[in-house]
């Protein structure tokens, strides 16, 4: 429901922005034609060449990219949220299906690979811009190293939330950092009005949530059997837990995600457990693991099934985070804690 409502809000805001542009043309010769043209191109006329330092790599955009490949769900969905599906010539490494609000947007866009595409597959679609969700998407054994792709005239961009070097890694990740990525990406395409509308929509969703988890502790369980892979203190999981008012039991782990031990989980005894649901590692399989081990089965959160679920693409920094906060808040309230 939140996603459907948010799309309506974004559409209304974009229409309003287009209307404002159209009104500025009133009173001049050819008013009707100029206004219609202004409305139809709202957001495309504010492009100026831009150079950014992206994870330590200089990226220069001299004109709006026309042929874009996205790698990872977060980058694909960011493009869709900015109504830039028409620029996509390929996607890869989807972590799951896109939200229902984008149904049909990718029907004519080829999937280059279920994982990171090789450089040959990437070059076949002749992109001028590649937007990756992880730095590791760009390597000699994957889509190609960024300097090499630049030699082909292909600009590359990594989600700033995924920068790995300490001087570039968000510490901690915040919604302001996410909104800055939205604005930066939009500037490449001259659609800053769409960025403003999307950010307003996301903030409106966050404003609905009033820390329903205040006073509760939580484990963010992403994957892992022998050594659980959990949310640390500086990434998107921690960002969402803060919005919910939940205290992360691994707030002392200065990392986005980290492997810990089951002994640590048991000792810290979370009030609730957030389960990341992925096709290759489902929330149900995690529940079976927790309930099948006598040590973890004795945890009150497990015995009383105090679980919160969210899809894997919502667990990484992107446009799904704000709707995920709303959804997790509703799940928390249903637990009645």
C-alpha atoms as a PDB file:
ATOM      1  CA  UNK A   1       0.000   0.000   0.000  1.00  0.00           C
ATOM      2  CA  UNK A   2       2.764   2.436   0.906  1.00  0.00           C
ATOM      3  CA  UNK A   3       4.431   1.887  -2.453  1.00  0.00           C
ATOM      4  CA  UNK A   4       1.219   2.537  -4.391  1.00  0.00           C
ATOM      5  CA  UNK A   5       0.468   5.692  -2.423  1.00  0.00           C
ATOM      6  CA  UNK A   6       4.036   6.920  -2.776  1.00  0.00           C
ATOM      7  CA  UNK A   7       3.923   6.610  -6.531  1.00  0.00           C
ATOM      8  CA  UNK A   8       0.777   8.709  -6.588  1.00  0.00           C
ATOM      9  CA  UNK A   9       2.459  11.342  -4.473  1.00  0.00           C
ATOM     10  CA  UNK A  10       5.528  11.385  -6.699  1.00  0.00           C
ATOM     11  CA  UNK A  11       3.372  11.689  -9.820  1.00  0.00           C
ATOM     12  CA  UNK A  12       1.482  14.611  -8.297  1.00  0.00           C
ATOM     13  CA  UNK A  13       4.662  16.396  -7.361  1.00  0.00           C
ATOM     14  CA  UNK A  14       6.191  15.916 -10.802  1.00  0.00           C
ATOM     15  CA  UNK A  15       3.038  17.167 -12.485  1.00  0.00           C
ATOM     16  CA  UNK A  16       3.096  20.203 -10.193  1.00  0.00           C
ATOM     17  CA  UNK A  17       6.718  20.892 -11.097  1.00  0.00           C
ATOM     18  CA  UNK A  18       5.906  20.576 -14.781  1.00  0.00           C
ATOM     19  CA  UNK A  19       2.980  22.932 -14.324  1.00  0.00           C
ATOM     20  CA  UNK A  20       5.213  25.536 -12.713  1.00  0.00           C
ATOM     21  CA  UNK A  21       7.561  25.397 -15.689  1.00  0.00           C
ATOM     22  CA  UNK A  22       4.640  25.751 -18.061  1.00  0.00           C
ATOM     23  CA  UNK A  23       3.304  28.799 -16.216  1.00  0.00           C
ATOM     24  CA  UNK A  24       6.592  30.643 -16.609  1.00  0.00           C
ATOM     25  CA  UNK A  25       5.999  30.685 -20.371  1.00  0.00           C
ATOM     26  CA  UNK A  26       2.619  32.465 -20.155  1.00  0.00           C
ATOM     27  CA  UNK A  27       2.418  35.919 -21.694  1.00  0.00           C
ATOM     28  CA  UNK A  28       4.984  35.304 -24.447  1.00  0.00           C
ATOM     29  CA  UNK A  29       4.342  34.628 -28.098  1.00  0.00           C
ATOM     30  CA  UNK A  30       3.288  31.055 -28.846  1.00  0.00           C
ATOM     31  CA  UNK A  31       2.151  30.620 -25.230  1.00  0.00           C
ATOM     32  CA  UNK A  32       0.287  27.346 -25.688  1.00  0.00           C
ATOM     33  CA  UNK A  33       2.997  25.604 -27.670  1.00  0.00           C
ATOM     34  CA  UNK A  34       5.798  26.838 -25.417  1.00  0.00           C
ATOM     35  CA  UNK A  35       3.928  25.807 -22.281  1.00  0.00           C
ATOM     36  CA  UNK A  36       3.203  22.340 -23.643  1.00  0.00           C
ATOM     37  CA  UNK A  37       6.824  21.878 -24.632  1.00  0.00           C
ATOM     38  CA  UNK A  38       8.020  23.063 -21.223  1.00  0.00           C
ATOM     39  CA  UNK A  39       5.670  20.667 -19.452  1.00  0.00           C
ATOM     40  CA  UNK A  40       6.732  17.704 -21.576  1.00  0.00           C
ATOM     41  CA  UNK A  41      10.441  18.344 -20.990  1.00  0.00           C
ATOM     42  CA  UNK A  42      10.248  19.317 -17.309  1.00  0.00           C
ATOM     43  CA  UNK A  43      13.476  18.314 -15.627  1.00  0.00           C
ATOM     44  CA  UNK A  44      15.473  17.845 -18.844  1.00  0.00           C
ATOM     45  CA  UNK A  45      16.341  21.513 -19.309  1.00  0.00           C
ATOM     46  CA  UNK A  46      18.323  21.974 -16.099  1.00  0.00           C
ATOM     47  CA  UNK A  47      21.272  19.784 -17.088  1.00  0.00           C
ATOM     48  CA  UNK A  48      24.750  21.186 -16.754  1.00  0.00           C
ATOM     49  CA  UNK A  49      27.942  19.156 -17.160  1.00  0.00           C
ATOM     50  CA  UNK A  50      29.035  17.713 -13.855  1.00  0.00           C
ATOM     51  CA  UNK A  51      32.149  16.075 -12.433  1.00  0.00           C
ATOM     52  CA  UNK A  52      31.964  14.092  -9.184  1.00  0.00           C
ATOM     53  CA  UNK A  53      34.374  12.097  -7.057  1.00  0.00           C
ATOM     54  CA  UNK A  54      32.660   8.720  -6.836  1.00  0.00           C
ATOM     55  CA  UNK A  55      34.333   6.276  -4.413  1.00  0.00           C
ATOM     56  CA  UNK A  56      37.660   7.892  -5.332  1.00  0.00           C
ATOM     57  CA  UNK A  57      37.072   7.701  -9.094  1.00  0.00           C
ATOM     58  CA  UNK A  58      36.449  10.889 -11.063  1.00  0.00           C
ATOM     59  CA  UNK A  59      33.273  10.763 -13.136  1.00  0.00           C
ATOM     60  CA  UNK A  60      32.460  13.469 -15.682  1.00  0.00           C
ATOM     61  CA  UNK A  61      29.044  13.665 -17.328  1.00  0.00           C
ATOM     62  CA  UNK A  62      29.104  16.056 -20.289  1.00  0.00           C
ATOM     63  CA  UNK A  63      25.595  15.242 -21.491  1.00  0.00           C
ATOM     64  CA  UNK A  64      22.708  13.172 -20.092  1.00  0.00           C
ATOM     65  CA  UNK A  65      23.377   9.442 -20.582  1.00  0.00           C
ATOM     66  CA  UNK A  66      21.156   7.819 -23.206  1.00  0.00           C
ATOM     67  CA  UNK A  67      22.121   4.133 -22.947  1.00  0.00           C
ATOM     68  CA  UNK A  68      22.331   2.921 -19.363  1.00  0.00           C
ATOM     69  CA  UNK A  69      23.087  -0.491 -17.872  1.00  0.00           C
ATOM     70  CA  UNK A  70      22.289  -1.094 -14.214  1.00  0.00           C
ATOM     71  CA  UNK A  71      23.893  -3.770 -12.047  1.00  0.00           C
ATOM     72  CA  UNK A  72      22.062  -4.734  -8.812  1.00  0.00           C
ATOM     73  CA  UNK A  73      18.448  -4.120  -7.870  1.00  0.00           C
ATOM     74  CA  UNK A  74      19.229  -0.942  -5.957  1.00  0.00           C
ATOM     75  CA  UNK A  75      20.572   0.824  -9.050  1.00  0.00           C
ATOM     76  CA  UNK A  76      17.819  -0.468 -11.340  1.00  0.00           C
ATOM     77  CA  UNK A  77      15.094   0.633  -8.946  1.00  0.00           C
ATOM     78  CA  UNK A  78      16.709   4.036  -8.444  1.00  0.00           C
ATOM     79  CA  UNK A  79      16.475   4.603 -12.201  1.00  0.00           C
ATOM     80  CA  UNK A  80      12.848   3.479 -12.223  1.00  0.00           C
ATOM     81  CA  UNK A  81      11.989   5.709  -9.267  1.00  0.00           C
ATOM     82  CA  UNK A  82      13.310   8.686 -11.238  1.00  0.00           C
ATOM     83  CA  UNK A  83      11.196   7.658 -14.259  1.00  0.00           C
ATOM     84  CA  UNK A  84      14.300   6.894 -16.332  1.00  0.00           C
ATOM     85  CA  UNK A  85      13.308   3.436 -17.590  1.00  0.00           C
ATOM     86  CA  UNK A  86      13.480   4.743 -21.155  1.00  0.00           C
ATOM     87  CA  UNK A  87      17.272   5.163 -20.768  1.00  0.00           C
ATOM     88  CA  UNK A  88      17.881   1.515 -19.823  1.00  0.00           C
ATOM     89  CA  UNK A  89      19.420  -0.805 -22.428  1.00  0.00           C
ATOM     90  CA  UNK A  90      20.200  -3.610 -19.989  1.00  0.00           C
ATOM     91  CA  UNK A  91      19.982  -4.736 -16.370  1.00  0.00           C
ATOM     92  CA  UNK A  92      21.852  -7.387 -14.407  1.00  0.00           C
ATOM     93  CA  UNK A  93      22.245  -9.003 -10.989  1.00  0.00           C
ATOM     94  CA  UNK A  94      18.647  -8.580  -9.808  1.00  0.00           C
ATOM     95  CA  UNK A  95      18.167  -9.522  -6.169  1.00  0.00           C
ATOM     96  CA  UNK A  96      14.460 -10.135  -6.687  1.00  0.00           C
ATOM     97  CA  UNK A  97      11.467  -8.839  -8.632  1.00  0.00           C
ATOM     98  CA  UNK A  98      10.880  -5.098  -8.758  1.00  0.00           C
ATOM     99  CA  UNK A  99       8.023  -3.668  -6.656  1.00  0.00           C
ATOM    100  CA  UNK A 100       4.550  -3.857  -8.150  1.00  0.00           C
ATOM    101  CA  UNK A 101       4.541  -0.113  -8.856  1.00  0.00           C
ATOM    102  CA  UNK A 102       7.187  -0.682 -11.535  1.00  0.00           C
ATOM    103  CA  UNK A 103       5.430  -3.644 -13.150  1.00  0.00           C
ATOM    104  CA  UNK A 104       5.961  -3.504 -16.907  1.00  0.00           C
ATOM    105  CA  UNK A 105       8.668  -0.833 -16.783  1.00  0.00           C
ATOM    106  CA  UNK A 106      11.364  -3.374 -17.671  1.00  0.00           C
ATOM    107  CA  UNK A 107       9.419  -5.454 -20.199  1.00  0.00           C
ATOM    108  CA  UNK A 108      11.510  -4.209 -23.107  1.00  0.00           C
ATOM    109  CA  UNK A 109      14.833  -4.080 -21.253  1.00  0.00           C
ATOM    110  CA  UNK A 110      17.112  -7.108 -21.736  1.00  0.00           C
ATOM    111  CA  UNK A 111      18.582  -8.893 -18.728  1.00  0.00           C
ATOM    112  CA  UNK A 112      22.298  -9.197 -19.474  1.00  0.00           C
ATOM    113  CA  UNK A 113      23.047 -11.633 -16.671  1.00  0.00           C
ATOM    114  CA  UNK A 114      21.587 -13.078 -13.487  1.00  0.00           C
ATOM    115  CA  UNK A 115      24.870 -12.070 -11.869  1.00  0.00           C
ATOM    116  CA  UNK A 116      27.418  -9.400 -12.788  1.00  0.00           C
ATOM    117  CA  UNK A 117      27.692  -9.327 -16.600  1.00  0.00           C
ATOM    118  CA  UNK A 118      31.010  -9.933 -18.272  1.00  0.00           C
ATOM    119  CA  UNK A 119      32.589  -7.089 -20.198  1.00  0.00           C
ATOM    120  CA  UNK A 120      31.708  -8.632 -23.573  1.00  0.00           C
ATOM    121  CA  UNK A 121      28.015  -8.839 -22.709  1.00  0.00           C
ATOM    122  CA  UNK A 122      28.145  -5.300 -21.396  1.00  0.00           C
ATOM    123  CA  UNK A 123      29.811  -3.861 -24.496  1.00  0.00           C
ATOM    124  CA  UNK A 124      27.347  -5.664 -26.781  1.00  0.00           C
ATOM    125  CA  UNK A 125      24.570  -3.263 -25.751  1.00  0.00           C
ATOM    126  CA  UNK A 126      26.802  -0.218 -26.286  1.00  0.00           C
ATOM    127  CA  UNK A 127      26.125   1.634 -23.035  1.00  0.00           C
ATOM    128  CA  UNK A 128      27.354   5.143 -22.362  1.00  0.00           C
ATOM    129  CA  UNK A 129      26.765   4.824 -18.602  1.00  0.00           C
ATOM    130  CA  UNK A 130      26.907   1.898 -16.166  1.00  0.00           C
ATOM    131  CA  UNK A 131      25.414   2.261 -12.700  1.00  0.00           C
ATOM    132  CA  UNK A 132      26.553  -0.377 -10.218  1.00  0.00           C
ATOM    133  CA  UNK A 133      25.244  -1.173  -6.774  1.00  0.00           C
ATOM    134  CA  UNK A 134      28.624  -2.445  -5.531  1.00  0.00           C
ATOM    135  CA  UNK A 135      32.216  -1.450  -6.240  1.00  0.00           C
ATOM    136  CA  UNK A 136      32.967  -5.111  -6.945  1.00  0.00           C
ATOM    137  CA  UNK A 137      30.657  -4.928  -9.973  1.00  0.00           C
ATOM    138  CA  UNK A 138      33.580  -3.268 -11.753  1.00  0.00           C
ATOM    139  CA  UNK A 139      36.594  -5.551 -12.030  1.00  0.00           C
ATOM    140  CA  UNK A 140      38.763  -7.277 -14.595  1.00  0.00           C
ATOM    141  CA  UNK A 141      36.776 -10.496 -14.103  1.00  0.00           C
ATOM    142  CA  UNK A 142      33.357  -8.834 -14.019  1.00  0.00           C
ATOM    143  CA  UNK A 143      31.958  -5.899 -16.005  1.00  0.00           C
ATOM    144  CA  UNK A 144      35.375  -4.365 -16.492  1.00  0.00           C
ATOM    145  CA  UNK A 145      37.557  -2.000 -14.522  1.00  0.00           C
ATOM    146  CA  UNK A 146      36.360   1.581 -14.419  1.00  0.00           C
ATOM    147  CA  UNK A 147      39.399   3.125 -16.171  1.00  0.00           C
ATOM    148  CA  UNK A 148      39.107   0.541 -18.963  1.00  0.00           C
ATOM    149  CA  UNK A 149      35.422   1.293 -19.455  1.00  0.00           C
ATOM    150  CA  UNK A 150      36.234   5.007 -19.497  1.00  0.00           C
ATOM    151  CA  UNK A 151      38.618   4.308 -22.379  1.00  0.00           C
ATOM    152  CA  UNK A 152      35.580   2.980 -24.289  1.00  0.00           C
ATOM    153  CA  UNK A 153      33.724   6.224 -23.566  1.00  0.00           C
ATOM    154  CA  UNK A 154      31.573   4.585 -20.874  1.00  0.00           C
ATOM    155  CA  UNK A 155      31.006   6.529 -17.663  1.00  0.00           C
ATOM    156  CA  UNK A 156      30.580   4.466 -14.502  1.00  0.00           C
ATOM    157  CA  UNK A 157      28.946   5.218 -11.174  1.00  0.00           C
ATOM    158  CA  UNK A 158      28.770   3.218  -7.943  1.00  0.00           C
ATOM    159  CA  UNK A 159      26.107   3.800  -5.326  1.00  0.00           C
ATOM    160  CA  UNK A 160      27.984   5.997  -2.817  1.00  0.00           C
ATOM    161  CA  UNK A 161      26.487   3.939   0.010  1.00  0.00           C
ATOM    162  CA  UNK A 162      28.593   1.022  -1.256  1.00  0.00           C
ATOM    163  CA  UNK A 163      31.964   2.806  -1.316  1.00  0.00           C
ATOM    164  CA  UNK A 164      34.463   0.673   0.579  1.00  0.00           C
ATOM    165  CA  UNK A 165      37.383   2.990   1.294  1.00  0.00           C
ATOM    166  CA  UNK A 166      37.036   4.620   4.737  1.00  0.00           C
ATOM    167  CA  UNK A 167      37.297   8.154   3.361  1.00  0.00           C
ATOM    168  CA  UNK A 168      34.326   7.523   1.059  1.00  0.00           C
ATOM    169  CA  UNK A 169      32.205   5.017   2.998  1.00  0.00           C
ATOM    170  CA  UNK A 170      29.216   6.625   4.745  1.00  0.00           C
ATOM    171  CA  UNK A 171      29.861   6.432   8.487  1.00  0.00           C
ATOM    172  CA  UNK A 172      27.105   6.004   9.379  1.00  0.00           C
ATOM    173  CA  UNK A 173      24.709   5.587   6.480  1.00  0.00           C
ATOM    174  CA  UNK A 174      21.771   7.997   6.814  1.00  0.00           C
ATOM    175  CA  UNK A 175      18.725   8.921   4.804  1.00  0.00           C
ATOM    176  CA  UNK A 176      20.409  12.255   4.083  1.00  0.00           C
ATOM    177  CA  UNK A 177      23.233  10.294   2.413  1.00  0.00           C
ATOM    178  CA  UNK A 178      20.658   8.349   0.392  1.00  0.00           C
ATOM    179  CA  UNK A 179      18.894  11.540  -0.639  1.00  0.00           C
ATOM    180  CA  UNK A 180      22.243  12.999  -1.733  1.00  0.00           C
ATOM    181  CA  UNK A 181      22.699   9.997  -4.061  1.00  0.00           C
ATOM    182  CA  UNK A 182      19.245  10.582  -5.520  1.00  0.00           C
ATOM    183  CA  UNK A 183      20.093  14.215  -6.209  1.00  0.00           C
ATOM    184  CA  UNK A 184      23.514  13.384  -7.649  1.00  0.00           C
ATOM    185  CA  UNK A 185      22.186  10.721  -9.993  1.00  0.00           C
ATOM    186  CA  UNK A 186      19.326  12.977 -11.094  1.00  0.00           C
ATOM    187  CA  UNK A 187      21.812  15.737 -11.923  1.00  0.00           C
ATOM    188  CA  UNK A 188      23.448  13.436 -14.484  1.00  0.00           C
ATOM    189  CA  UNK A 189      20.179  13.289 -16.408  1.00  0.00           C
ATOM    190  CA  UNK A 190      18.916  16.822 -15.807  1.00  0.00           C
ATOM    191  CA  UNK A 191      15.920  15.619 -13.792  1.00  0.00           C
ATOM    192  CA  UNK A 192      16.485  17.348 -10.478  1.00  0.00           C
ATOM    193  CA  UNK A 193      12.751  18.110 -10.242  1.00  0.00           C
ATOM    194  CA  UNK A 194      12.093  14.370 -10.141  1.00  0.00           C
ATOM    195  CA  UNK A 195      14.712  13.969  -7.419  1.00  0.00           C
ATOM    196  CA  UNK A 196      12.993  16.650  -5.335  1.00  0.00           C
ATOM    197  CA  UNK A 197       9.651  14.881  -5.749  1.00  0.00           C
ATOM    198  CA  UNK A 198      11.088  11.467  -4.888  1.00  0.00           C
ATOM    199  CA  UNK A 199      12.870  12.777  -1.794  1.00  0.00           C
ATOM    200  CA  UNK A 200       9.695  14.540  -0.637  1.00  0.00           C
ATOM    201  CA  UNK A 201       7.835  11.254  -1.043  1.00  0.00           C
ATOM    202  CA  UNK A 202      10.469   9.308   0.887  1.00  0.00           C
ATOM    203  CA  UNK A 203      10.553  11.862   3.701  1.00  0.00           C
ATOM    204  CA  UNK A 204       6.748  11.791   3.918  1.00  0.00           C
ATOM    205  CA  UNK A 205       6.924   8.032   4.463  1.00  0.00           C
ATOM    206  CA  UNK A 206       9.549   8.384   7.196  1.00  0.00           C
ATOM    207  CA  UNK A 207       7.500  11.079   8.892  1.00  0.00           C
ATOM    208  CA  UNK A 208       4.709   8.516   9.384  1.00  0.00           C
ATOM    209  CA  UNK A 209       6.890   6.428  11.702  1.00  0.00           C
ATOM    210  CA  UNK A 210       7.253   7.371  15.363  1.00  0.00           C
ATOM    211  CA  UNK A 211       9.866   4.914  16.658  1.00  0.00           C
ATOM    212  CA  UNK A 212       7.555   1.997  17.522  1.00  0.00           C
ATOM    213  CA  UNK A 213      10.580  -0.057  18.571  1.00  0.00           C
ATOM    214  CA  UNK A 214      11.720   2.391  21.236  1.00  0.00           C
ATOM    215  CA  UNK A 215      13.132   0.427  24.174  1.00  0.00           C
ATOM    216  CA  UNK A 216      13.503  -2.812  22.199  1.00  0.00           C
ATOM    217  CA  UNK A 217      16.671  -4.534  20.981  1.00  0.00           C
ATOM    218  CA  UNK A 218      17.013  -6.231  17.612  1.00  0.00           C
ATOM    219  CA  UNK A 219      19.161  -8.649  15.638  1.00  0.00           C
ATOM    220  CA  UNK A 220      19.377  -7.974  11.890  1.00  0.00           C
ATOM    221  CA  UNK A 221      19.937 -11.469  10.489  1.00  0.00           C
ATOM    222  CA  UNK A 222      20.955 -11.380   6.834  1.00  0.00           C
ATOM    223  CA  UNK A 223      22.427 -14.832   6.172  1.00  0.00           C
ATOM    224  CA  UNK A 224      24.847 -17.439   7.448  1.00  0.00           C
ATOM    225  CA  UNK A 225      24.595 -20.756   9.251  1.00  0.00           C
ATOM    226  CA  UNK A 226      27.717 -21.466  11.295  1.00  0.00           C
ATOM    227  CA  UNK A 227      28.477 -17.748  11.661  1.00  0.00           C
ATOM    228  CA  UNK A 228      25.456 -15.461  11.217  1.00  0.00           C
ATOM    229  CA  UNK A 229      25.963 -12.460   8.918  1.00  0.00           C
ATOM    230  CA  UNK A 230      24.331  -9.515  10.669  1.00  0.00           C
ATOM    231  CA  UNK A 231      23.769  -5.800  10.340  1.00  0.00           C
ATOM    232  CA  UNK A 232      26.459  -3.696  12.011  1.00  0.00           C
ATOM    233  CA  UNK A 233      26.350  -0.074  13.103  1.00  0.00           C
ATOM    234  CA  UNK A 234      27.047   1.983   9.961  1.00  0.00           C
ATOM    235  CA  UNK A 235      25.043   0.543   7.051  1.00  0.00           C
ATOM    236  CA  UNK A 236      21.482   0.566   5.745  1.00  0.00           C
ATOM    237  CA  UNK A 237      20.264  -1.981   8.353  1.00  0.00           C
ATOM    238  CA  UNK A 238      21.399   0.295  11.193  1.00  0.00           C
ATOM    239  CA  UNK A 239      19.880   3.307   9.408  1.00  0.00           C
ATOM    240  CA  UNK A 240      16.470   1.636   9.286  1.00  0.00           C
ATOM    241  CA  UNK A 241      16.685   0.333  12.854  1.00  0.00           C
ATOM    242  CA  UNK A 242      17.397   3.856  14.075  1.00  0.00           C
ATOM    243  CA  UNK A 243      14.264   5.131  12.325  1.00  0.00           C
ATOM    244  CA  UNK A 244      12.283   2.381  14.062  1.00  0.00           C
ATOM    245  CA  UNK A 245      13.758   3.182  17.462  1.00  0.00           C
ATOM    246  CA  UNK A 246      15.293  -0.288  17.726  1.00  0.00           C
ATOM    247  CA  UNK A 247      18.614  -0.772  19.493  1.00  0.00           C
ATOM    248  CA  UNK A 248      20.920  -2.915  17.365  1.00  0.00           C
ATOM    249  CA  UNK A 249      22.483  -5.637  19.525  1.00  0.00           C
ATOM    250  CA  UNK A 250      25.592  -5.336  17.342  1.00  0.00           C
ATOM    251  CA  UNK A 251      25.878  -1.556  17.496  1.00  0.00           C
ATOM    252  CA  UNK A 252      29.460  -2.102  18.665  1.00  0.00           C
ATOM    253  CA  UNK A 253      30.370  -3.623  15.268  1.00  0.00           C
ATOM    254  CA  UNK A 254      31.772  -0.770  13.185  1.00  0.00           C
ATOM    255  CA  UNK A 255      30.772  -2.195   9.803  1.00  0.00           C
ATOM    256  CA  UNK A 256      27.854  -2.332   7.404  1.00  0.00           C
ATOM    257  CA  UNK A 257      27.516  -6.091   7.874  1.00  0.00           C
ATOM    258  CA  UNK A 258      29.666  -8.596   9.724  1.00  0.00           C
ATOM    259  CA  UNK A 259      29.909 -12.235  10.709  1.00  0.00           C
ATOM    260  CA  UNK A 260      29.424 -12.870  14.413  1.00  0.00           C
ATOM    261  CA  UNK A 261      28.944 -16.000  16.528  1.00  0.00           C
ATOM    262  CA  UNK A 262      25.736 -17.617  17.709  1.00  0.00           C
ATOM    263  CA  UNK A 263      27.122 -17.413  21.237  1.00  0.00           C
ATOM    264  CA  UNK A 264      27.158 -13.619  20.902  1.00  0.00           C
ATOM    265  CA  UNK A 265      23.568 -13.602  19.626  1.00  0.00           C
ATOM    266  CA  UNK A 266      22.430 -15.756  22.538  1.00  0.00           C
ATOM    267  CA  UNK A 267      24.315 -13.654  25.072  1.00  0.00           C
ATOM    268  CA  UNK A 268      22.809 -10.403  23.749  1.00  0.00           C
ATOM    269  CA  UNK A 269      19.296 -11.884  23.617  1.00  0.00           C
ATOM    270  CA  UNK A 270      17.432  -9.616  21.136  1.00  0.00           C
ATOM    271  CA  UNK A 271      13.803  -8.693  21.697  1.00  0.00           C
ATOM    272  CA  UNK A 272      13.034  -9.036  17.964  1.00  0.00           C
ATOM    273  CA  UNK A 273      14.798 -10.543  14.963  1.00  0.00           C
ATOM    274  CA  UNK A 274      14.757  -8.914  11.527  1.00  0.00           C
ATOM    275  CA  UNK A 275      14.946 -11.594   8.834  1.00  0.00           C
ATOM    276  CA  UNK A 276      16.178 -10.729   5.347  1.00  0.00           C
ATOM    277  CA  UNK A 277      14.172 -12.733   2.809  1.00  0.00           C
ATOM    278  CA  UNK A 278      16.126 -13.729  -0.307  1.00  0.00           C
ATOM    279  CA  UNK A 279      15.306 -16.383  -2.900  1.00  0.00           C
ATOM    280  CA  UNK A 280      18.637 -18.105  -2.133  1.00  0.00           C
ATOM    281  CA  UNK A 281      18.308 -17.715   1.635  1.00  0.00           C
ATOM    282  CA  UNK A 282      14.693 -17.320   2.653  1.00  0.00           C
ATOM    283  CA  UNK A 283      13.306 -15.983   5.890  1.00  0.00           C
ATOM    284  CA  UNK A 284      11.589 -19.336   6.404  1.00  0.00           C
ATOM    285  CA  UNK A 285      14.913 -21.166   6.173  1.00  0.00           C
ATOM    286  CA  UNK A 286      16.352 -18.824   8.802  1.00  0.00           C
ATOM    287  CA  UNK A 287      13.401 -19.534  11.087  1.00  0.00           C
ATOM    288  CA  UNK A 288      13.941 -23.275  10.670  1.00  0.00           C
ATOM    289  CA  UNK A 289      17.593 -22.785  11.606  1.00  0.00           C
ATOM    290  CA  UNK A 290      16.771 -20.683  14.656  1.00  0.00           C
ATOM    291  CA  UNK A 291      14.027 -22.989  15.877  1.00  0.00           C
ATOM    292  CA  UNK A 292      15.945 -26.165  15.059  1.00  0.00           C
ATOM    293  CA  UNK A 293      18.945 -25.316  17.222  1.00  0.00           C
ATOM    294  CA  UNK A 294      18.188 -25.894  20.937  1.00  0.00           C
ATOM    295  CA  UNK A 295      20.424 -22.976  21.972  1.00  0.00           C
ATOM    296  CA  UNK A 296      18.750 -20.368  19.757  1.00  0.00           C
ATOM    297  CA  UNK A 297      15.305 -21.950  20.109  1.00  0.00           C
ATOM    298  CA  UNK A 298      15.449 -21.012  23.802  1.00  0.00           C
ATOM    299  CA  UNK A 299      15.727 -17.308  22.993  1.00  0.00           C
ATOM    300  CA  UNK A 300      12.411 -15.590  23.876  1.00  0.00           C
ATOM    301  CA  UNK A 301      12.376 -13.842  20.469  1.00  0.00           C
ATOM    302  CA  UNK A 302      12.508 -17.249  18.779  1.00  0.00           C
ATOM    303  CA  UNK A 303      10.194 -19.079  21.187  1.00  0.00           C
ATOM    304  CA  UNK A 304       7.579 -16.331  20.775  1.00  0.00           C
ATOM    305  CA  UNK A 305       8.273 -15.869  17.033  1.00  0.00           C
ATOM    306  CA  UNK A 306       9.041 -12.169  17.276  1.00  0.00           C
ATOM    307  CA  UNK A 307      10.135 -11.918  13.660  1.00  0.00           C
ATOM    308  CA  UNK A 308      10.141  -9.019  11.216  1.00  0.00           C
ATOM    309  CA  UNK A 309      10.662  -9.745   7.508  1.00  0.00           C
ATOM    310  CA  UNK A 310      11.837  -7.683   4.583  1.00  0.00           C
ATOM    311  CA  UNK A 311      12.953  -8.569   1.029  1.00  0.00           C
ATOM    312  CA  UNK A 312      16.676  -8.573   0.277  1.00  0.00           C
ATOM    313  CA  UNK A 313      16.574  -5.578  -2.132  1.00  0.00           C
ATOM    314  CA  UNK A 314      15.155  -3.475   0.718  1.00  0.00           C
ATOM    315  CA  UNK A 315      18.069  -4.411   2.977  1.00  0.00           C
ATOM    316  CA  UNK A 316      20.610  -2.458   0.908  1.00  0.00           C
ATOM    317  CA  UNK A 317      20.672   1.328   0.591  1.00  0.00           C
ATOM    318  CA  UNK A 318      18.128   2.409  -2.001  1.00  0.00           C
ATOM    319  CA  UNK A 319      14.640   3.673  -2.699  1.00  0.00           C
ATOM    320  CA  UNK A 320      13.047   0.726  -0.905  1.00  0.00           C
ATOM    321  CA  UNK A 321      14.402   1.728   2.503  1.00  0.00           C
ATOM    322  CA  UNK A 322      11.766   4.305   3.432  1.00  0.00           C
ATOM    323  CA  UNK A 323       8.837   2.034   2.451  1.00  0.00           C
ATOM    324  CA  UNK A 324      10.607  -0.777   4.360  1.00  0.00           C
ATOM    325  CA  UNK A 325      10.688   1.361   7.510  1.00  0.00           C
ATOM    326  CA  UNK A 326       6.927   1.868   7.229  1.00  0.00           C
ATOM    327  CA  UNK A 327       6.369  -1.845   6.661  1.00  0.00           C
ATOM    328  CA  UNK A 328       8.644  -2.924   9.518  1.00  0.00           C
ATOM    329  CA  UNK A 329       6.934  -0.433  11.829  1.00  0.00           C
ATOM    330  CA  UNK A 330       3.579  -2.035  11.027  1.00  0.00           C
ATOM    331  CA  UNK A 331       5.034  -5.486  11.703  1.00  0.00           C
ATOM    332  CA  UNK A 332       6.428  -4.274  15.027  1.00  0.00           C
ATOM    333  CA  UNK A 333       3.048  -2.929  16.063  1.00  0.00           C
ATOM    334  CA  UNK A 334       1.416  -6.253  15.175  1.00  0.00           C
ATOM    335  CA  UNK A 335       3.767  -7.990  17.612  1.00  0.00           C
ATOM    336  CA  UNK A 336       2.244  -5.894  20.370  1.00  0.00           C
ATOM    337  CA  UNK A 337       5.459  -5.437  22.310  1.00  0.00           C
END
